[in-house]
Amino acid sequence: MASAHLEELASVKEEMLRGDARATERQHAKGKLTARERIALLLDEGSFHELEGLRRHRATGFGLERKRPATDGVITGWGTVYGRTVFVYAHDFRIFGGALGEAHAEKIHKLMDRAVAVGAPLVSLNDGAGARIQEGVTALAGYGGIFRRNTRASGVIPQISVMLGPCAGGAAYSPALTDFVFMVRETAQMFITGPDVVETVTGEKISHNGLGGADVHGGTSGVAQFVHDDEESCLEEVRYLISLLPSNNRELAPEEPSDDPADRPTGALREVAQLEGNCAYDVRTVIEEVVDDGQYFEISAAWAANVVCAFARLDGQTVGIVANQPQSMAGALDITASEKAARFVQFCDAFNIPLVTLVDVPGFLPGVSQEHDGIIRRGAKLLYAYCNASVPRVSLVLRKAYGGAYIVMDSHAIGADVALAWPANEIAVMGAEGAANVIFRREIAAAEDPEAVRGQRVKEYRAELMHPYYAAERGLIDDVIDPAETRQVLIGLLAMLRAKHADLPSRKHGNPPQ
């Protein structure tokens, strides 16, 4: 009798692993991998352990009682990425189109609970048709359980969503609640209401990719942080991101020994430091010169390009870098840049990742639309994130830092542990020309030669209030450093701050700007 049961079990498992051959062909014909093929790419070879692979739904009616495949359309389990435990669930589009039902949701709930209990990252491979209509409200309740667990796991374990197919309606909110969203062009879409509903309600005609494709969410909405052309490169980048992050909020990120000397000179940065304040350059060249082996992992590269957020390593230690980008909008902060940087700062703080802020900012972007769209409350998100951060924080003024943007970009006043500057830096309420026009406007207007008087007053203001050592003399800058020593100085400071402990006031949680 036992032998018969074992044979039956072996048969079920074989069918489960093989799946429907025609459904597999249809999946491949769309340019998509199967759920198991995706898991194999994500995890170290042979490391996957499946959970509840024999689970079936219990629903009846609408024909469901005649189709009860094993797994119920989602594969759950754990494995390793570079030897570290990672939990993963993958929608199997071949079964019910990957739609979520009661049993399907319960499998995900159990996996999420286990990931939090173990303290390991959670990766979701999304390729599903939303709620299983035949199961009614129980399917919707299943999504509610996922959303609640996403929220409770936030800041506890890294959560990564990989969009490999359609994701519509309420199902889109789970990825939005996670830390990072990856999308594959052409095959992945995300939207609350699809093109047909949009056309019916508003009369607007648009394609699935035009409404919620990878490039839309990577460059316009900011929902997706990473966009890739194919699933293989996408999943390889997910593996790399995991290698940079700690497994949970109680650990430090894993160190990766580097042959790049900690005291390597960064002489090329002297050229950047000598540029006039209004000259554009790519701040990525500064990052490449400073970090280990010139390698960094940029977040949301196509969205809010006026600020660069990236993970990198300094002497083997993972750091989060926030840098103004003079190549885009002169590096001014606006609504989207503030929100992008704020969320990145919050993530780094939640997971014990030190912050390095490279400042070259002319101020907040002026304009009616910025004011009416809420630059005050939305710009305050970045201010709140920095003020709230307790990880090691080092800021470096590269050329200029004007007005409120200087304060917001991790100045000493809001809690930076160490504030540095390159020579020739300018830190002031505003640029010298603007300041002179305000302070001496009557004198300039009454002068026989207004331009000559304006020029003279600009020189005086710059000499008295904007010289490189003005802020250092008042303790607002800890040191003015040689650009050629930037890497060495940053590594030394982060080593000193590694054991930093901040006592925070007791509270349930803060109330950040909306």
Protein backbone atom coordinates (compact mmCIF):
# COMPACT_ATOMS: atom_id res chain seq x y z
CA MET A 1 0.00 0.00 0.00
CA ALA A 2 2.81 2.40 0.90
CA SER A 3 4.48 1.65 -2.40
CA ALA A 4 1.31 2.58 -4.30
CA HIS A 5 1.09 5.89 -2.46
CA LEU A 6 4.72 6.65 -3.25
CA GLU A 7 4.14 5.91 -6.91
CA GLU A 8 1.09 8.19 -6.95
CA LEU A 9 3.06 10.95 -5.26
CA ALA A 10 5.91 10.57 -7.74
CA SER A 11 3.42 10.79 -10.62
CA VAL A 12 1.82 13.96 -9.25
CA LYS A 13 5.20 15.59 -8.71
CA GLU A 14 6.34 14.68 -12.19
CA GLU A 15 3.20 16.22 -13.68
CA MET A 16 3.60 19.28 -11.46
CA LEU A 17 7.17 19.87 -12.59
CA ARG A 18 6.41 19.22 -16.23
CA GLY A 19 3.21 21.24 -16.45
CA ASP A 20 0.93 21.47 -19.45
CA ALA A 21 3.12 21.19 -22.56
CA ARG A 22 0.82 23.32 -24.72
CA ALA A 23 0.60 25.99 -22.03
CA THR A 24 4.39 26.01 -21.84
CA GLU A 25 4.63 26.47 -25.60
CA ARG A 26 2.21 29.39 -25.42
CA GLN A 27 4.27 30.97 -22.67
CA HIS A 28 7.49 30.61 -24.68
CA ALA A 29 5.76 31.91 -27.81
CA LYS A 30 5.11 35.18 -25.94
CA GLY A 31 8.82 35.48 -25.23
CA LYS A 32 8.29 34.57 -21.57
CA LEU A 33 9.89 31.92 -19.41
CA THR A 34 7.91 29.60 -17.15
CA ALA A 35 7.78 30.18 -13.40
CA ARG A 36 10.22 27.36 -12.68
CA GLU A 37 12.65 28.55 -15.36
CA ARG A 38 12.60 32.00 -13.75
CA ILE A 39 13.27 30.61 -10.28
CA ALA A 40 16.18 28.60 -11.68
CA LEU A 41 17.73 31.80 -13.07
CA LEU A 42 17.22 33.75 -9.85
CA LEU A 43 18.56 31.24 -7.34
CA ASP A 44 21.87 29.43 -7.05
CA GLU A 45 21.83 26.19 -9.02
CA GLY A 46 20.10 23.35 -7.20
CA SER A 47 19.27 25.42 -4.11
CA PHE A 48 15.48 25.74 -4.50
CA HIS A 49 13.23 24.07 -1.92
CA GLU A 50 9.55 24.18 -2.82
CA LEU A 51 6.80 24.68 -0.25
CA GLU A 52 3.25 23.37 -0.69
CA GLY A 53 3.85 22.15 -4.20
CA LEU A 54 0.92 19.74 -3.85
CA ARG A 55 -1.56 22.40 -2.73
CA ARG A 56 -4.88 22.52 -4.64
CA HIS A 57 -7.84 24.88 -4.42
CA ARG A 58 -11.10 23.86 -2.71
CA ALA A 59 -13.44 26.04 -4.73
CA THR A 60 -16.51 24.68 -6.48
CA GLY A 61 -18.73 26.07 -9.17
CA PHE A 62 -18.03 27.73 -12.53
CA GLY A 63 -16.11 24.62 -13.58
CA LEU A 64 -13.36 24.94 -10.97
CA GLU A 65 -14.21 21.57 -9.38
CA ARG A 66 -13.13 19.89 -12.65
CA LYS A 67 -9.72 21.57 -12.71
CA ARG A 68 -7.62 21.33 -9.58
CA PRO A 69 -3.95 21.42 -10.63
CA ALA A 70 -1.16 21.11 -8.10
CA THR A 71 0.47 24.40 -6.92
CA ASP A 72 -2.78 26.32 -7.70
CA GLY A 73 -0.88 28.64 -10.01
CA VAL A 74 1.90 29.88 -7.72
CA ILE A 75 5.25 28.31 -6.87
CA THR A 76 6.61 29.17 -3.44
CA GLY A 77 9.80 28.27 -1.62
CA TRP A 78 13.30 29.31 -0.72
CA GLY A 79 16.84 28.95 -2.00
CA THR A 80 20.07 30.92 -2.01
CA VAL A 81 21.56 33.83 -3.94
CA TYR A 82 25.35 33.83 -3.67
CA GLY A 83 24.95 31.45 -0.75
CA ARG A 84 22.47 33.59 1.25
CA THR A 85 18.88 32.53 1.92
CA VAL A 86 16.18 34.19 -0.20
CA PHE A 87 12.44 33.45 -0.28
CA VAL A 88 10.61 33.57 -3.61
CA TYR A 89 7.17 33.11 -5.07
CA ALA A 90 6.41 32.99 -8.79
CA HIS A 91 3.03 33.18 -10.51
CA ASP A 92 2.57 30.33 -12.98
CA PHE A 93 0.70 31.91 -15.89
CA ARG A 94 0.07 28.45 -17.36
CA ILE A 95 -2.39 27.70 -14.54
CA PHE A 96 -5.48 29.93 -14.41
CA GLY A 97 -3.40 32.68 -16.00
CA GLY A 98 -1.59 33.05 -12.68
CA ALA A 99 -4.79 34.45 -11.16
CA LEU A 100 -4.95 34.58 -7.37
CA GLY A 101 -7.46 32.46 -5.47
CA GLU A 102 -7.83 31.49 -1.82
CA ALA A 103 -5.29 28.62 -1.77
CA HIS A 104 -2.92 30.58 -4.01
CA ALA A 105 -3.01 33.52 -1.57
CA GLU A 106 -2.58 31.34 1.51
CA LYS A 107 0.63 29.91 0.04
CA ILE A 108 1.99 33.42 -0.44
CA HIS A 109 0.90 34.48 3.07
CA LYS A 110 2.76 31.56 4.64
CA LEU A 111 5.87 32.28 2.61
CA MET A 112 5.88 35.97 3.57
CA ASP A 113 5.44 35.13 7.24
CA ARG A 114 8.33 32.69 7.06
CA ALA A 115 10.59 35.19 5.30
CA VAL A 116 10.03 37.73 8.08
CA ALA A 117 10.51 35.12 10.81
CA VAL A 118 13.77 33.91 9.25
CA GLY A 119 14.95 37.41 8.34
CA ALA A 120 15.63 36.88 4.64
CA PRO A 121 14.81 38.87 1.48
CA LEU A 122 11.56 38.19 -0.37
CA VAL A 123 11.36 38.23 -4.18
CA SER A 124 8.06 38.02 -6.08
CA LEU A 125 8.07 37.03 -9.75
CA ASN A 126 4.83 38.54 -11.00
CA ASP A 127 2.99 37.24 -14.06
CA GLY A 128 -0.69 36.97 -13.19
CA ALA A 129 -4.15 37.99 -14.31
CA GLY A 130 -5.24 39.46 -10.97
CA ALA A 131 -7.95 38.07 -8.74
CA ARG A 132 -9.57 34.76 -9.70
CA ILE A 133 -13.08 35.89 -10.58
CA GLN A 134 -14.61 32.46 -10.01
CA GLU A 135 -13.65 32.59 -6.32
CA GLY A 136 -15.21 35.97 -5.71
CA VAL A 137 -14.49 37.96 -2.58
CA THR A 138 -12.15 35.34 -1.10
CA ALA A 139 -9.67 36.22 -3.81
CA LEU A 140 -9.87 39.91 -2.90
CA ALA A 141 -9.33 39.05 0.76
CA GLY A 142 -6.23 37.14 -0.31
CA TYR A 143 -4.77 40.34 -1.76
CA GLY A 144 -5.56 42.17 1.46
CA GLY A 145 -3.46 39.65 3.37
CA ILE A 146 -0.54 40.21 1.00
CA PHE A 147 -0.76 44.00 1.31
CA ARG A 148 -0.80 43.82 5.11
CA ARG A 149 2.25 41.56 5.12
CA ASN A 150 4.07 43.80 2.62
CA THR A 151 3.53 46.71 4.98
CA ARG A 152 4.60 44.86 8.12
CA ALA A 153 7.71 43.52 6.37
CA SER A 154 8.67 47.02 5.17
CA GLY A 155 11.95 48.03 6.76
CA VAL A 156 12.38 44.53 8.20
CA ILE A 157 13.45 42.52 5.15
CA PRO A 158 14.23 43.70 1.60
CA GLN A 159 11.23 43.15 -0.70
CA ILE A 160 11.77 43.01 -4.45
CA SER A 161 9.05 42.73 -7.10
CA VAL A 162 9.91 41.53 -10.61
CA MET A 163 7.26 42.27 -13.21
CA LEU A 164 7.36 39.68 -15.99
CA GLY A 165 3.80 39.85 -17.29
CA PRO A 166 0.54 41.73 -16.76
CA CYS A 167 -0.38 43.14 -13.37
CA ALA A 168 -3.71 44.94 -13.23
CA GLY A 169 -6.14 46.30 -10.68
CA GLY A 170 -5.52 45.86 -6.98
CA ALA A 171 -2.74 43.38 -7.73
CA ALA A 172 -0.51 46.33 -8.69
CA TYR A 173 -0.46 47.60 -5.11
CA SER A 174 1.68 44.78 -3.74
CA PRO A 175 4.65 45.67 -6.00
CA ALA A 176 4.09 49.35 -5.16
CA LEU A 177 4.45 48.52 -1.45
CA THR A 178 7.78 46.75 -1.93
CA ASP A 179 11.23 48.34 -1.94
CA PHE A 180 12.22 47.84 -5.57
CA VAL A 181 10.34 47.05 -8.78
CA PHE A 182 12.00 45.50 -11.85
CA MET A 183 10.16 45.40 -15.21
CA VAL A 184 10.82 43.71 -18.56
CA ARG A 185 10.00 45.67 -21.70
CA GLU A 186 7.11 44.57 -23.93
CA THR A 187 5.95 41.68 -21.73
CA ALA A 188 5.29 43.46 -18.40
CA GLN A 189 2.59 46.04 -17.71
CA MET A 190 1.12 47.55 -14.56
CA PHE A 191 -2.04 49.62 -14.26
CA ILE A 192 -5.07 50.02 -12.03
CA THR A 193 -7.55 50.24 -14.92
CA GLY A 194 -6.68 48.81 -18.34
CA PRO A 195 -6.87 50.49 -21.76
CA ASP A 196 -10.44 49.31 -22.43
CA VAL A 197 -11.74 50.87 -19.20
CA VAL A 198 -9.77 54.05 -19.83
CA GLU A 199 -11.27 54.39 -23.30
CA THR A 200 -14.80 53.72 -22.02
CA VAL A 201 -14.57 56.26 -19.22
CA THR A 202 -12.40 59.01 -20.73
CA GLY A 203 -12.43 58.32 -24.48
CA GLU A 204 -8.63 58.07 -24.52
CA LYS A 205 -7.20 55.31 -26.71
CA ILE A 206 -3.89 53.82 -25.61
CA SER A 207 -2.03 50.51 -25.81
CA HIS A 208 -1.20 48.30 -22.85
CA ASN A 209 2.48 49.30 -22.99
CA GLY A 210 1.61 52.94 -23.58
CA LEU A 211 -0.54 52.95 -20.46
CA GLY A 212 1.57 50.88 -18.08
CA GLY A 213 4.62 49.46 -19.83
CA ALA A 214 8.14 49.24 -18.45
CA ASP A 215 9.41 52.49 -19.96
CA VAL A 216 6.34 54.38 -18.73
CA HIS A 217 6.90 53.27 -15.15
CA GLY A 218 10.67 53.53 -15.40
CA GLY A 219 10.75 57.07 -16.79
CA THR A 220 7.38 58.77 -16.27
CA SER A 221 5.60 57.48 -13.17
CA GLY A 222 8.65 56.32 -11.21
CA VAL A 223 6.86 53.12 -10.14
CA ALA A 224 9.65 50.89 -11.50
CA GLN A 225 13.27 51.43 -10.48
CA PHE A 226 14.81 49.09 -13.06
CA VAL A 227 13.88 48.32 -16.67
CA HIS A 228 15.39 45.51 -18.77
CA ASP A 229 15.05 44.13 -22.27
CA ASP A 230 14.83 40.47 -21.32
CA GLU A 231 14.15 38.23 -18.35
CA GLU A 232 17.66 36.78 -18.16
CA SER A 233 19.41 40.14 -17.69
CA CYS A 234 16.64 41.31 -15.37
CA LEU A 235 16.99 38.36 -12.99
CA GLU A 236 20.78 38.62 -13.05
CA GLU A 237 20.47 42.25 -11.88
CA VAL A 238 18.08 41.16 -9.12
CA ARG A 239 20.80 38.78 -7.92
CA TYR A 240 23.34 41.62 -7.96
CA LEU A 241 21.06 43.93 -5.99
CA ILE A 242 20.53 41.24 -3.34
CA SER A 243 24.32 40.84 -3.05
CA LEU A 244 24.57 44.52 -2.05
CA LEU A 245 21.88 44.39 0.64
CA PRO A 246 21.69 42.95 4.16
CA SER A 247 19.29 40.09 4.69
CA ASN A 248 17.29 42.05 7.27
CA ASN A 249 17.28 45.20 9.39
CA ARG A 250 19.33 43.58 12.16
CA GLU A 251 22.35 42.94 9.98
CA LEU A 252 24.92 44.91 8.01
CA ALA A 253 25.27 44.43 4.28
CA PRO A 254 27.83 41.75 3.32
CA GLU A 255 31.31 43.07 2.63
CA GLU A 256 33.02 42.29 -0.66
CA PRO A 257 36.84 42.50 -0.52
CA SER A 258 38.27 44.67 -3.27
CA ASP A 259 41.71 45.02 -4.79
CA ASP A 260 41.03 48.74 -5.23
CA PRO A 261 43.33 50.44 -2.65
CA ALA A 262 41.54 52.51 -0.01
CA ASP A 263 44.14 55.27 -0.43
CA ARG A 264 43.95 55.37 -4.23
CA PRO A 265 44.27 59.02 -5.35
CA THR A 266 41.32 60.56 -7.17
CA GLY A 267 43.27 63.25 -8.98
CA ALA A 268 40.84 63.41 -11.90
CA LEU A 269 38.34 65.08 -9.56
CA ARG A 270 40.47 68.22 -9.40
CA GLU A 271 39.25 69.07 -12.90
CA VAL A 272 35.63 68.87 -11.75
CA ALA A 273 36.36 71.04 -8.73
CA GLN A 274 37.81 73.76 -10.97
CA LEU A 275 34.73 74.01 -13.21
CA GLU A 276 32.68 77.18 -12.99
CA GLY A 277 29.50 76.78 -10.98
CA ASN A 278 27.28 77.05 -14.06
CA CYS A 279 29.18 74.44 -16.10
CA ALA A 280 27.40 71.12 -16.54
CA TYR A 281 29.11 67.78 -15.98
CA ASP A 282 28.00 64.22 -15.26
CA VAL A 283 28.18 63.55 -11.51
CA ARG A 284 28.44 59.82 -12.33
CA THR A 285 32.08 60.49 -13.25
CA VAL A 286 32.67 61.58 -9.65
CA ILE A 287 30.96 58.46 -8.31
CA GLU A 288 32.97 56.19 -10.63
CA GLU A 289 36.23 57.80 -9.55
CA VAL A 290 35.51 57.38 -5.84
CA VAL A 291 33.87 53.96 -5.40
CA ASP A 292 35.47 50.52 -5.49
CA ASP A 293 36.49 49.55 -9.03
CA GLY A 294 34.27 52.31 -10.43
CA GLN A 295 31.18 50.10 -10.03
CA TYR A 296 27.83 51.39 -8.82
CA PHE A 297 24.19 50.29 -9.11
CA GLU A 298 21.92 53.21 -9.98
CA ILE A 299 18.29 53.37 -8.86
CA SER A 300 15.58 54.90 -11.13
CA ALA A 301 18.12 56.13 -13.66
CA ALA A 302 15.46 57.31 -16.14
CA TRP A 303 13.21 59.05 -13.60
CA ALA A 304 14.05 62.34 -11.86
CA ALA A 305 17.44 62.44 -13.57
CA ASN A 306 18.45 65.62 -11.71
CA VAL A 307 19.39 63.48 -8.72
CA VAL A 308 21.41 60.26 -8.85
CA CYS A 309 20.75 57.54 -6.25
CA ALA A 310 22.98 54.49 -6.28
CA PHE A 311 24.41 51.65 -4.26
CA ALA A 312 28.16 51.14 -4.39
CA ARG A 313 30.99 49.89 -2.21
CA LEU A 314 33.74 51.82 -0.47
CA ASP A 315 36.54 49.58 0.75
CA GLY A 316 34.16 46.63 0.44
CA GLN A 317 31.32 48.23 2.45
CA THR A 318 27.95 48.92 0.81
CA VAL A 319 26.99 52.61 0.83
CA GLY A 320 24.06 54.56 -0.52
CA ILE A 321 24.99 57.58 -2.63
CA VAL A 322 22.74 60.58 -3.25
CA ALA A 323 24.13 63.13 -5.70
CA ASN A 324 22.81 66.22 -7.46
CA GLN A 325 23.20 65.87 -11.24
CA PRO A 326 24.32 69.17 -12.87
CA GLN A 327 23.80 67.57 -16.28
CA SER A 328 20.02 67.62 -15.74
CA MET A 329 18.16 70.80 -14.75
CA ALA A 330 21.50 72.10 -13.42
CA GLY A 331 21.07 69.71 -10.49
CA ALA A 332 18.18 71.69 -8.98
CA LEU A 333 15.83 69.81 -6.68
CA ASP A 334 12.23 69.47 -7.80
CA ILE A 335 9.23 67.40 -6.70
CA THR A 336 10.23 64.12 -8.34
CA ALA A 337 13.89 64.36 -7.36
CA SER A 338 12.93 65.04 -3.75
CA GLU A 339 10.60 62.04 -3.62
CA LYS A 340 13.09 59.74 -5.34
CA ALA A 341 15.94 60.67 -3.00
CA ALA A 342 13.69 60.60 0.10
CA ARG A 343 12.61 57.01 -0.45
CA PHE A 344 16.18 55.93 -1.17
CA VAL A 345 17.43 57.59 2.03
CA GLN A 346 14.66 55.88 4.02
CA PHE A 347 15.56 52.48 2.60
CA CYS A 348 19.25 52.92 3.42
CA ASP A 349 18.41 54.03 6.95
CA ALA A 350 16.07 51.08 7.49
CA PHE A 351 18.75 48.60 6.45
CA ASN A 352 21.84 50.06 8.11
CA ILE A 353 23.46 51.29 4.90
CA PRO A 354 25.67 54.39 5.37
CA LEU A 355 24.84 57.46 3.29
CA VAL A 356 27.24 59.56 1.23
CA THR A 357 25.71 62.76 -0.18
CA LEU A 358 27.46 64.61 -3.02
CA VAL A 359 26.15 68.17 -3.13
CA ASP A 360 26.18 70.47 -6.14
CA VAL A 361 22.82 72.20 -6.01
CA PRO A 362 21.69 75.68 -7.12
CA GLY A 363 18.47 75.44 -5.11
CA PHE A 364 14.91 74.21 -5.53
CA LEU A 365 13.44 74.50 -9.02
CA PRO A 366 11.29 77.65 -9.24
CA GLY A 367 7.98 77.68 -11.09
CA VAL A 368 4.23 77.97 -10.73
CA SER A 369 3.65 74.30 -11.46
CA GLN A 370 6.17 73.24 -8.82
CA GLU A 371 4.49 75.41 -6.18
CA HIS A 372 0.96 74.39 -7.13
CA ASP A 373 1.88 70.70 -7.28
CA GLY A 374 3.19 70.82 -3.73
CA ILE A 375 6.96 71.33 -3.77
CA ILE A 376 6.73 72.44 -0.12
CA ARG A 377 5.17 69.28 1.26
CA ARG A 378 6.80 66.94 -1.25
CA GLY A 379 10.23 68.53 -0.97
CA ALA A 380 9.85 68.17 2.79
CA LYS A 381 9.87 64.40 2.31
CA LEU A 382 13.61 64.53 1.60
CA LEU A 383 14.19 66.80 4.58
CA TYR A 384 12.20 64.43 6.81
CA ALA A 385 14.07 61.38 5.51
CA TYR A 386 17.50 62.85 6.25
CA CYS A 387 16.51 64.26 9.63
CA ASN A 388 15.10 60.88 10.61
CA ALA A 389 18.12 58.84 9.43
CA SER A 390 20.39 57.40 12.13
CA VAL A 391 22.92 55.58 9.92
CA PRO A 392 26.42 57.02 9.35
CA ARG A 393 26.06 60.11 7.13
CA VAL A 394 28.79 62.03 5.31
CA SER A 395 28.08 64.95 2.98
CA LEU A 396 30.49 66.59 0.54
CA VAL A 397 29.91 69.91 -1.24
CA LEU A 398 31.55 69.58 -4.65
CA ARG A 399 31.09 73.11 -6.00
CA LYS A 400 28.00 74.94 -4.73
CA ALA A 401 25.13 74.61 -2.29
CA TYR A 402 22.55 77.40 -2.27
CA GLY A 403 19.50 78.19 -0.20
CA GLY A 404 17.12 75.68 1.30
CA ALA A 405 18.49 72.97 -0.98
CA TYR A 406 21.84 73.25 0.86
CA ILE A 407 20.10 72.53 4.15
CA VAL A 408 18.06 69.64 2.74
CA MET A 409 21.03 67.89 1.09
CA ASP A 410 22.24 66.48 4.42
CA SER A 411 23.89 69.55 5.89
CA HIS A 412 25.35 69.56 9.39
CA ALA A 413 22.26 71.39 10.60
CA ILE A 414 19.99 68.40 9.90
CA GLY A 415 22.30 65.76 11.30
CA ALA A 416 25.13 64.86 8.93
CA ASP A 417 27.86 63.26 11.04
CA VAL A 418 30.61 64.85 8.97
CA ALA A 419 30.28 67.64 6.40
CA LEU A 420 33.09 68.24 3.90
CA ALA A 421 33.75 70.51 0.95
CA TRP A 422 36.16 70.80 -1.92
CA PRO A 423 38.16 74.02 -2.36
CA ALA A 424 36.38 76.78 -4.30
CA ASN A 425 33.01 75.64 -2.91
CA GLU A 426 30.25 78.19 -2.53
CA ILE A 427 27.72 77.80 0.28
CA ALA A 428 25.23 80.64 0.56
CA VAL A 429 21.60 81.70 0.66
CA MET A 430 21.76 82.23 -3.10
CA GLY A 431 24.24 82.94 -5.87
CA ALA A 432 26.27 86.13 -5.65
CA GLU A 433 24.47 87.79 -8.59
CA GLY A 434 21.04 87.20 -7.11
CA ALA A 435 22.13 88.30 -3.65
CA ALA A 436 23.66 91.52 -4.94
CA ASN A 437 20.51 92.34 -6.89
CA VAL A 438 18.44 92.00 -3.72
CA ILE A 439 20.75 93.72 -1.22
CA PHE A 440 21.90 96.59 -3.43
CA ARG A 441 18.93 96.99 -5.74
CA ARG A 442 18.39 100.69 -4.91
CA GLU A 443 22.06 101.58 -5.26
CA ILE A 444 22.28 99.73 -8.57
CA ALA A 445 19.12 101.36 -9.90
CA ALA A 446 20.35 104.86 -8.99
CA ALA A 447 23.88 104.43 -10.38
CA GLU A 448 25.06 106.06 -13.58
CA ASP A 449 26.61 102.75 -14.57
CA PRO A 450 24.38 100.04 -13.02
CA GLU A 451 26.36 97.13 -14.48
CA ALA A 452 29.63 98.38 -13.04
CA VAL A 453 28.10 98.81 -9.59
CA ARG A 454 26.40 95.41 -9.80
CA GLY A 455 29.69 93.77 -10.79
CA GLN A 456 31.53 95.39 -7.90
CA ARG A 457 28.89 94.38 -5.35
CA VAL A 458 28.88 90.79 -6.67
CA LYS A 459 32.63 90.60 -6.13
CA GLU A 460 32.30 91.97 -2.60
CA TYR A 461 29.52 89.55 -1.66
CA ARG A 462 31.42 86.59 -3.07
CA ALA A 463 34.63 87.61 -1.30
CA GLU A 464 33.01 88.18 2.10
CA LEU A 465 30.27 85.56 2.35
CA MET A 466 30.98 82.90 -0.28
CA HIS A 467 34.68 82.16 -0.05
CA PRO A 468 35.55 78.47 0.41
CA TYR A 469 36.38 78.71 4.10
CA TYR A 470 33.48 80.88 5.29
CA ALA A 471 31.34 77.87 6.27
CA ALA A 472 34.33 76.03 7.75
CA GLU A 473 35.20 78.98 9.96
CA ARG A 474 31.72 78.78 11.45
CA GLY A 475 31.75 75.03 12.00
CA LEU A 476 29.22 74.28 9.27
CA ILE A 477 31.88 72.36 7.34
CA ASP A 478 34.27 70.05 9.20
CA ASP A 479 37.03 70.15 6.61
CA VAL A 480 37.92 71.41 3.16
CA ILE A 481 39.64 68.54 1.39
CA ASP A 482 41.77 68.02 -1.69
CA PRO A 483 39.57 66.39 -4.38
CA ALA A 484 42.43 63.96 -5.03
CA GLU A 485 41.95 62.58 -1.49
CA THR A 486 38.16 62.16 -1.68
CA ARG A 487 38.09 58.36 -1.75
CA GLN A 488 40.62 58.02 1.06
CA VAL A 489 38.85 60.55 3.28
CA LEU A 490 35.38 59.04 2.76
CA ILE A 491 36.61 55.52 3.53
CA GLY A 492 38.35 56.72 6.68
CA LEU A 493 35.27 58.55 7.92
CA LEU A 494 32.94 55.61 7.27
CA ALA A 495 35.32 53.32 9.15
CA MET A 496 35.22 55.70 12.11
CA LEU A 497 31.41 55.88 11.98
CA ARG A 498 30.83 52.15 11.53
CA ALA A 499 29.97 51.60 15.20
CA LYS A 500 27.71 54.68 15.39
CA HIS A 501 24.71 54.28 17.68
CA ALA A 502 21.93 56.84 17.80
CA ASP A 503 19.45 57.02 20.67
CA LEU A 504 16.09 57.99 19.19
CA PRO A 505 13.04 59.20 21.12
CA SER A 506 10.40 56.60 21.89
CA ARG A 507 7.42 56.78 19.52
CA LYS A 508 5.09 54.53 17.61
CA HIS A 509 6.08 56.10 14.28
CA GLY A 510 6.50 59.52 12.76
CA ASN A 511 4.08 61.31 10.43
CA PRO A 512 6.09 62.18 7.31
CA PRO A 513 4.86 64.79 4.81
CA GLN A 514 2.31 63.31 2.40
